[in-house]
PDB file of N, CA and C in Angstrom:
ATOM      1  N   MET A   1      58.837  61.565  93.457  1.00  0.00           N
ATOM      2  CA  MET A   1      59.172  62.963  93.622  1.00  0.00           C
ATOM      3  C   MET A   1      59.880  63.137  94.964  1.00  0.00           C
ATOM      4  N   THR A   2      60.930  63.936  94.965  1.00  0.00           N
ATOM      5  CA  THR A   2      61.696  64.136  96.196  1.00  0.00           C
ATOM      6  C   THR A   2      61.215  65.381  96.922  1.00  0.00           C
ATOM      7  N   ASP A   3      61.357  65.367  98.211  1.00  0.00           N
ATOM      8  CA  ASP A   3      60.938  66.486  99.055  1.00  0.00           C
ATOM      9  C   ASP A   3      62.032  67.560  99.024  1.00  0.00           C
ATOM     10  N   PRO A   4      61.743  68.819  98.584  1.00  0.00           N
ATOM     11  CA  PRO A   4      62.782  69.853  98.509  1.00  0.00           C
ATOM     12  C   PRO A   4      63.238  70.332  99.891  1.00  0.00           C
ATOM     13  N   PHE A   5      62.441  70.051 100.919  1.00  0.00           N
ATOM     14  CA  PHE A   5      62.808  70.487 102.261  1.00  0.00           C
ATOM     15  C   PHE A   5      63.526  69.403 103.053  1.00  0.00           C
ATOM     16  N   ALA A   6      63.765  68.289 102.447  1.00  0.00           N
ATOM     17  CA  ALA A   6      64.448  67.192 103.136  1.00  0.00           C
ATOM     18  C   ALA A   6      65.935  67.304 102.838  1.00  0.00           C
ATOM     19  N   SER A   7      66.626  68.205 103.538  1.00  0.00           N
ATOM     20  CA  SER A   7      68.060  68.359 103.349  1.00  0.00           C
ATOM     21  C   SER A   7      68.747  68.303 104.703  1.00  0.00           C
ATOM     22  N   VAL A   8      70.014  68.142 104.664  1.00  0.00           N
ATOM     23  CA  VAL A   8      70.801  68.032 105.891  1.00  0.00           C
ATOM     24  C   VAL A   8      71.558  69.343 106.086  1.00  0.00           C
ATOM     25  N   VAL A   9      71.453  69.906 107.274  1.00  0.00           N
ATOM     26  CA  VAL A   9      72.197  71.111 107.618  1.00  0.00           C
ATOM     27  C   VAL A   9      73.382  70.652 108.446  1.00  0.00           C
ATOM     28  N   SER A  10      74.554  70.946 107.935  1.00  0.00           N
ATOM     29  CA  SER A  10      75.763  70.506 108.629  1.00  0.00           C
ATOM     30  C   SER A  10      76.245  71.596 109.586  1.00  0.00           C
ATOM     31  N   ALA A  11      77.162  71.207 110.441  1.00  0.00           N
ATOM     32  CA  ALA A  11      77.765  72.165 111.372  1.00  0.00           C
ATOM     33  C   ALA A  11      78.499  73.243 110.584  1.00  0.00           C
ATOM     34  N   ARG A  12      79.077  72.881 109.456  1.00  0.00           N
ATOM     35  CA  ARG A  12      79.784  73.834 108.608  1.00  0.00           C
ATOM     36  C   ARG A  12      78.815  74.893 108.065  1.00  0.00           C
ATOM     37  N   ASP A  13      77.602  74.473 107.691  1.00  0.00           N
ATOM     38  CA  ASP A  13      76.592  75.417 107.212  1.00  0.00           C
ATOM     39  C   ASP A  13      76.223  76.420 108.303  1.00  0.00           C
ATOM     40  N   VAL A  14      76.053  75.912 109.509  1.00  0.00           N
ATOM     41  CA  VAL A  14      75.715  76.788 110.638  1.00  0.00           C
ATOM     42  C   VAL A  14      76.876  77.730 110.932  1.00  0.00           C
ATOM     43  N   TYR A  15      78.102  77.199 110.916  1.00  0.00           N
ATOM     44  CA  TYR A  15      79.287  78.013 111.170  1.00  0.00           C
ATOM     45  C   TYR A  15      79.411  79.119 110.118  1.00  0.00           C
ATOM     46  N   ASP A  16      79.256  78.771 108.855  1.00  0.00           N
ATOM     47  CA  ASP A  16      79.355  79.760 107.780  1.00  0.00           C
ATOM     48  C   ASP A  16      78.288  80.842 107.919  1.00  0.00           C
ATOM     49  N   ALA A  17      77.073  80.435 108.244  1.00  0.00           N
ATOM     50  CA  ALA A  17      75.995  81.405 108.430  1.00  0.00           C
ATOM     51  C   ALA A  17      76.292  82.321 109.619  1.00  0.00           C
ATOM     52  N   THR A  18      76.851  81.748 110.674  1.00  0.00           N
ATOM     53  CA  THR A  18      77.203  82.537 111.853  1.00  0.00           C
ATOM     54  C   THR A  18      78.289  83.550 111.515  1.00  0.00           C
ATOM     55  N   ARG A  19      79.305  83.122 110.791  1.00  0.00           N
ATOM     56  CA  ARG A  19      80.400  84.018 110.399  1.00  0.00           C
ATOM     57  C   ARG A  19      79.882  85.150 109.496  1.00  0.00           C
ATOM     58  N   GLU A  20      78.986  84.824 108.591  1.00  0.00           N
ATOM     59  CA  GLU A  20      78.419  85.840 107.707  1.00  0.00           C
ATOM     60  C   GLU A  20      77.603  86.855 108.510  1.00  0.00           C
ATOM     61  N   THR A  21      76.843  86.358 109.469  1.00  0.00           N
ATOM     62  CA  THR A  21      76.051  87.241 110.324  1.00  0.00           C
ATOM     63  C   THR A  21      76.964  88.138 111.151  1.00  0.00           C
ATOM     64  N   GLN A  22      78.036  87.575 111.698  1.00  0.00           N
ATOM     65  CA  GLN A  22      78.988  88.369 112.469  1.00  0.00           C
ATOM     66  C   GLN A  22      79.588  89.479 111.613  1.00  0.00           C
ATOM     67  N   SER A  23      79.933  89.153 110.399  1.00  0.00           N
ATOM     68  CA  SER A  23      80.506  90.144 109.493  1.00  0.00           C
ATOM     69  C   SER A  23      79.514  91.272 109.219  1.00  0.00           C
ATOM     70  N   GLU A  24      78.273  90.923 108.990  1.00  0.00           N
ATOM     71  CA  GLU A  24      77.249  91.932 108.731  1.00  0.00           C
ATOM     72  C   GLU A  24      77.001  92.802 109.954  1.00  0.00           C
ATOM     73  N   VAL A  25      77.007  92.193 111.135  1.00  0.00           N
ATOM     74  CA  VAL A  25      76.806  92.954 112.374  1.00  0.00           C
ATOM     75  C   VAL A  25      77.970  93.905 112.598  1.00  0.00           C
ATOM     76  N   ARG A  26      79.196  93.429 112.370  1.00  0.00           N
ATOM     77  CA  ARG A  26      80.371  94.306 112.524  1.00  0.00           C
ATOM     78  C   ARG A  26      80.288  95.496 111.573  1.00  0.00           C
ATOM     79  N   ALA A  27      79.888  95.250 110.340  1.00  0.00           N
ATOM     80  CA  ALA A  27      79.761  96.341 109.369  1.00  0.00           C
ATOM     81  C   ALA A  27      78.686  97.329 109.813  1.00  0.00           C
ATOM     82  N   ALA A  28      77.575  96.826 110.324  1.00  0.00           N
ATOM     83  CA  ALA A  28      76.488  97.702 110.787  1.00  0.00           C
ATOM     84  C   ALA A  28      76.941  98.528 111.986  1.00  0.00           C
ATOM     85  N   VAL A  29      77.658  97.906 112.909  1.00  0.00           N
ATOM     86  CA  VAL A  29      78.149  98.628 114.087  1.00  0.00           C
ATOM     87  C   VAL A  29      79.145  99.703 113.664  1.00  0.00           C
ATOM     88  N   ALA A  30      80.004  99.388 112.711  1.00  0.00           N
ATOM     89  CA  ALA A  30      80.967 100.377 112.216  1.00  0.00           C
ATOM     90  C   ALA A  30      80.239 101.561 111.579  1.00  0.00           C
ATOM     91  N   ARG A  31      79.189 101.288 110.808  1.00  0.00           N
ATOM     92  CA  ARG A  31      78.405 102.379 110.211  1.00  0.00           C
ATOM     93  C   ARG A  31      77.745 103.217 111.299  1.00  0.00           C
ATOM     94  N   MET A  32      77.214 102.569 112.315  1.00  0.00           N
ATOM     95  CA  MET A  32      76.580 103.300 113.410  1.00  0.00           C
ATOM     96  C   MET A  32      77.608 104.179 114.128  1.00  0.00           C
ATOM     97  N   ASP A  33      78.812 103.658 114.338  1.00  0.00           N
ATOM     98  CA  ASP A  33      79.863 104.458 114.978  1.00  0.00           C
ATOM     99  C   ASP A  33      80.199 105.684 114.138  1.00  0.00           C
ATOM    100  N   ARG A  34      80.306 105.509 112.816  1.00  0.00           N
ATOM    101  CA  ARG A  34      80.594 106.650 111.947  1.00  0.00           C
ATOM    102  C   ARG A  34      79.468 107.669 111.988  1.00  0.00           C
ATOM    103  N   ILE A  35      78.237 107.196 112.023  1.00  0.00           N
ATOM    104  CA  ILE A  35      77.087 108.102 112.089  1.00  0.00           C
ATOM    105  C   ILE A  35      77.096 108.867 113.410  1.00  0.00           C
ATOM    106  N   GLU A  36      77.384 108.172 114.507  1.00  0.00           N
ATOM    107  CA  GLU A  36      77.424 108.839 115.815  1.00  0.00           C
ATOM    108  C   GLU A  36      78.527 109.883 115.863  1.00  0.00           C
ATOM    109  N   GLN A  37      79.682 109.583 115.269  1.00  0.00           N
ATOM    110  CA  GLN A  37      80.775 110.556 115.223  1.00  0.00           C
ATOM    111  C   GLN A  37      80.371 111.775 114.395  1.00  0.00           C
ATOM    112  N   ALA A  38      79.707 111.535 113.278  1.00  0.00           N
ATOM    113  CA  ALA A  38      79.253 112.642 112.434  1.00  0.00           C
ATOM    114  C   ALA A  38      78.227 113.494 113.179  1.00  0.00           C
ATOM    115  N   GLN A  39      77.323 112.848 113.902  1.00  0.00           N
ATOM    116  CA  GLN A  39      76.323 113.585 114.677  1.00  0.00           C
ATOM    117  C   GLN A  39      76.987 114.424 115.761  1.00  0.00           C
ATOM    118  N   GLU A  40      77.974 113.854 116.422  1.00  0.00           N
ATOM    119  CA  GLU A  40      78.690 114.590 117.476  1.00  0.00           C
ATOM    120  C   GLU A  40      79.407 115.796 116.880  1.00  0.00           C
ATOM    121  N   SER A  41      80.006 115.608 115.730  1.00  0.00           N
ATOM    122  CA  SER A  41      80.686 116.710 115.050  1.00  0.00           C
ATOM    123  C   SER A  41      79.687 117.809 114.687  1.00  0.00           C
ATOM    124  N   LEU A  42      78.537 117.422 114.165  1.00  0.00           N
ATOM    125  CA  LEU A  42      77.504 118.409 113.841  1.00  0.00           C
ATOM    126  C   LEU A  42      76.992 119.121 115.087  1.00  0.00           C
ATOM    127  N   ARG A  43      76.850 118.382 116.174  1.00  0.00           N
ATOM    128  CA  ARG A  43      76.378 118.991 117.420  1.00  0.00           C
ATOM    129  C   ARG A  43      77.368 120.047 117.917  1.00  0.00           C
ATOM    130  N   ARG A  44      78.672 119.702 117.858  1.00  0.00           N
ATOM    131  CA  ARG A  44      79.697 120.670 118.282  1.00  0.00           C
ATOM    132  C   ARG A  44      79.687 121.905 117.378  1.00  0.00           C
ATOM    133  N   GLU A  45      79.537 121.688 116.077  1.00  0.00           N
ATOM    134  CA  GLU A  45      79.490 122.810 115.145  1.00  0.00           C
ATOM    135  C   GLU A  45      78.267 123.689 115.411  1.00  0.00           C
ATOM    136  N   GLN A  46      77.131 123.074 115.696  1.00  0.00           N
ATOM    137  CA  GLN A  46      75.926 123.843 116.016  1.00  0.00           C
ATOM    138  C   GLN A  46      76.117 124.651 117.298  1.00  0.00           C
ATOM    139  N   GLU A  47      76.798 124.068 118.276  1.00  0.00           N
ATOM    140  CA  GLU A  47      77.055 124.797 119.520  1.00  0.00           C
ATOM    141  C   GLU A  47      77.941 126.010 119.265  1.00  0.00           C
ATOM    142  N   ARG A  48      78.957 125.842 118.388  1.00  0.00           N
ATOM    143  CA  ARG A  48      79.823 126.982 118.056  1.00  0.00           C
ATOM    144  C   ARG A  48      79.014 128.079 117.356  1.00  0.00           C
ATOM    145  N   HIS A  49      78.167 127.687 116.420  1.00  0.00           N
ATOM    146  CA  HIS A  49      77.328 128.677 115.737  1.00  0.00           C
ATOM    147  C   HIS A  49      76.374 129.354 116.713  1.00  0.00           C
ATOM    148  N   ARG A  50      75.819 128.584 117.619  1.00  0.00           N
ATOM    149  CA  ARG A  50      74.897 129.150 118.606  1.00  0.00           C
ATOM    150  C   ARG A  50      75.630 130.171 119.478  1.00  0.00           C
ATOM    151  N   ALA A  51      76.857 129.843 119.885  1.00  0.00           N
ATOM    152  CA  ALA A  51      77.637 130.770 120.714  1.00  0.00           C
ATOM    153  C   ALA A  51      77.925 132.058 119.944  1.00  0.00           C
ATOM    154  N   ARG A  52      78.241 131.937 118.651  1.00  0.00           N
ATOM    155  CA  ARG A  52      78.481 133.138 117.842  1.00  0.00           C
ATOM    156  C   ARG A  52      77.220 133.977 117.716  1.00  0.00           C
ATOM    157  N   LEU A  53      76.098 133.313 117.468  1.00  0.00           N
ATOM    158  CA  LEU A  53      74.837 134.051 117.367  1.00  0.00           C
ATOM    159  C   LEU A  53      74.477 134.736 118.679  1.00  0.00           C
ATOM    160  N   ASP A  54      74.729 134.061 119.782  1.00  0.00           N
ATOM    161  CA  ASP A  54      74.463 134.672 121.089  1.00  0.00           C
ATOM    162  C   ASP A  54      75.334 135.898 121.301  1.00  0.00           C
ATOM    163  N   ALA A  55      76.605 135.821 120.889  1.00  0.00           N
ATOM    164  CA  ALA A  55      77.508 136.967 121.021  1.00  0.00           C
ATOM    165  C   ALA A  55      77.027 138.130 120.153  1.00  0.00           C
ATOM    166  N   ILE A  56      76.587 137.824 118.940  1.00  0.00           N
ATOM    167  CA  ILE A  56      76.060 138.874 118.059  1.00  0.00           C
ATOM    168  C   ILE A  56      74.814 139.493 118.673  1.00  0.00           C
ATOM    169  N   ASP A  57      73.943 138.670 119.227  1.00  0.00           N
ATOM    170  CA  ASP A  57      72.732 139.189 119.862  1.00  0.00           C
ATOM    171  C   ASP A  57      73.062 140.097 121.042  1.00  0.00           C
ATOM    172  N   ARG A  58      74.057 139.726 121.835  1.00  0.00           N
ATOM    173  CA  ARG A  58      74.442 140.562 122.980  1.00  0.00           C
ATOM    174  C   ARG A  58      74.892 141.938 122.496  1.00  0.00           C
ATOM    175  N   TRP A  59      75.708 141.962 121.442  1.00  0.00           N
ATOM    176  CA  TRP A  59      76.163 143.242 120.892  1.00  0.00           C
ATOM    177  C   TRP A  59      74.993 144.028 120.305  1.00  0.00           C
ATOM    178  N   ARG A  60      74.129 143.340 119.592  1.00  0.00           N
ATOM    179  CA  ARG A  60      73.007 144.027 118.945  1.00  0.00           C
ATOM    180  C   ARG A  60      72.107 144.692 119.984  1.00  0.00           C
ATOM    181  N   TYR A  61      71.881 144.024 121.098  1.00  0.00           N
ATOM    182  CA  TYR A  61      71.023 144.611 122.120  1.00  0.00           C
ATOM    183  C   TYR A  61      71.767 145.634 122.974  1.00  0.00           C
ATOM    184  N   ALA A  62      73.076 145.519 123.051  1.00  0.00           N
ATOM    185  CA  ALA A  62      73.849 146.459 123.855  1.00  0.00           C
ATOM    186  C   ALA A  62      74.079 147.778 123.121  1.00  0.00           C
ATOM    187  N   LEU A  63      74.125 147.773 121.804  1.00  0.00           N
ATOM    188  CA  LEU A  63      74.417 148.988 121.046  1.00  0.00           C
ATOM    189  C   LEU A  63      73.380 150.092 121.261  1.00  0.00           C
ATOM    190  N   PRO A  64      72.093 149.830 121.185  1.00  0.00           N
ATOM    191  CA  PRO A  64      71.132 150.920 121.418  1.00  0.00           C
ATOM    192  C   PRO A  64      71.253 151.518 122.823  1.00  0.00           C
ATOM    193  N   VAL A  65      71.471 150.683 123.805  1.00  0.00           N
ATOM    194  CA  VAL A  65      71.620 151.178 125.177  1.00  0.00           C
ATOM    195  C   VAL A  65      72.870 152.042 125.271  1.00  0.00           C
ATOM    196  N   SER A  66      73.958 151.598 124.652  1.00  0.00           N
ATOM    197  CA  SER A  66      75.199 152.376 124.669  1.00  0.00           C
ATOM    198  C   SER A  66      75.029 153.690 123.928  1.00  0.00           C
ATOM    199  N   ALA A  67      74.360 153.654 122.787  1.00  0.00           N
ATOM    200  CA  ALA A  67      74.145 154.879 122.021  1.00  0.00           C
ATOM    201  C   ALA A  67      73.287 155.864 122.810  1.00  0.00           C
ATOM    202  N   LEU A  68      72.249 155.387 123.444  1.00  0.00           N
ATOM    203  CA  LEU A  68      71.392 156.249 124.254  1.00  0.00           C
ATOM    204  C   LEU A  68      72.174 156.851 125.417  1.00  0.00           C
ATOM    205  N   SER A  69      72.999 156.056 126.048  1.00  0.00           N
ATOM    206  CA  SER A  69      73.819 156.555 127.159  1.00  0.00           C
ATOM    207  C   SER A  69      74.789 157.625 126.674  1.00  0.00           C
ATOM    208  N   ALA A  70      75.361 157.420 125.480  1.00  0.00           N
ATOM    209  CA  ALA A  70      76.288 158.402 124.936  1.00  0.00           C
ATOM    210  C   ALA A  70      75.569 159.718 124.626  1.00  0.00           C
ATOM    211  N   VAL A  71      74.377 159.633 124.076  1.00  0.00           N
ATOM    212  CA  VAL A  71      73.601 160.837 123.775  1.00  0.00           C
ATOM    213  C   VAL A  71      73.247 161.580 125.065  1.00  0.00           C
ATOM    214  N   VAL A  72      72.827 160.851 126.070  1.00  0.00           N
ATOM    215  CA  VAL A  72      72.484 161.479 127.352  1.00  0.00           C
ATOM    216  C   VAL A  72      73.716 162.124 127.974  1.00  0.00           C
ATOM    217  N   ALA A  73      74.860 161.459 127.934  1.00  0.00           N
ATOM    218  CA  ALA A  73      76.090 162.011 128.509  1.00  0.00           C
ATOM    219  C   ALA A  73      76.532 163.253 127.745  1.00  0.00           C
ATOM    220  N   ALA A  74      76.437 163.205 126.405  1.00  0.00           N
ATOM    221  CA  ALA A  74      76.821 164.359 125.606  1.00  0.00           C
ATOM    222  C   ALA A  74      75.885 165.538 125.893  1.00  0.00           C
ATOM    223  N   SER A  75      74.593 165.243 125.987  1.00  0.00           N
ATOM    224  CA  SER A  75      73.625 166.324 126.294  1.00  0.00           C
ATOM    225  C   SER A  75      73.897 166.918 127.657  1.00  0.00           C
ATOM    226  N   ALA A  76      74.192 166.071 128.607  1.00  0.00           N
ATOM    227  CA  ALA A  76      74.496 166.559 129.963  1.00  0.00           C
ATOM    228  C   ALA A  76      75.748 167.403 129.948  1.00  0.00           C
ATOM    229  N   ALA A  77      76.750 167.012 129.177  1.00  0.00           N
ATOM    230  CA  ALA A  77      77.984 167.792 129.105  1.00  0.00           C
ATOM    231  C   ALA A  77      77.721 169.148 128.466  1.00  0.00           C
ATOM    232  N   ILE A  78      76.886 169.197 127.425  1.00  0.00           N
ATOM    233  CA  ILE A  78      76.571 170.451 126.757  1.00  0.00           C
ATOM    234  C   ILE A  78      75.792 171.377 127.705  1.00  0.00           C
ATOM    235  N   VAL A  79      74.798 170.805 128.383  1.00  0.00           N
ATOM    236  CA  VAL A  79      74.009 171.616 129.325  1.00  0.00           C
ATOM    237  C   VAL A  79      74.886 172.130 130.435  1.00  0.00           C
ATOM    238  N   THR A  80      75.775 171.295 130.947  1.00  0.00           N
ATOM    239  CA  THR A  80      76.672 171.705 132.024  1.00  0.00           C
ATOM    240  C   THR A  80      77.599 172.822 131.538  1.00  0.00           C
ATOM    241  N   ALA A  81      78.110 172.704 130.309  1.00  0.00           N
ATOM    242  CA  ALA A  81      79.017 173.721 129.769  1.00  0.00           C
ATOM    243  C   ALA A  81      78.280 175.050 129.555  1.00  0.00           C
ATOM    244  N   LEU A  82      77.044 174.992 129.105  1.00  0.00           N
ATOM    245  CA  LEU A  82      76.289 176.219 128.838  1.00  0.00           C
ATOM    246  C   LEU A  82      75.843 176.912 130.129  1.00  0.00           C
ATOM    247  N   LEU A  83      75.504 176.118 131.134  1.00  0.00           N
ATOM    248  CA  LEU A  83      75.026 176.707 132.393  1.00  0.00           C
ATOM    249  C   LEU A  83      76.147 177.022 133.357  1.00  0.00           C
ATOM    250  N   GLY A  84      77.304 176.447 133.128  1.00  0.00           N
ATOM    251  CA  GLY A  84      78.369 176.590 134.102  1.00  0.00           C
ATOM    252  C   GLY A  84      79.303 177.676 133.911  1.00  0.00           C
TER     253      GLY A  84
END
């Protein structure tokens, strides 16, 4: 009976395995680069949405103050006109 583990590994076998590993690593790095680019794109898009939401919030909180100021100014003008 022959030993199944008694084989010779040649330099060509090592070279081929190395080349295959390099190819797989390059493919993995390329996928990682694409993922990082996609993440960066999503981050920029989220920042744009956040800026829009912040602008909407500023207007939403400013409107009641502006409306109250307008009512007070109108009331003051009416009182001034009636008393003056």
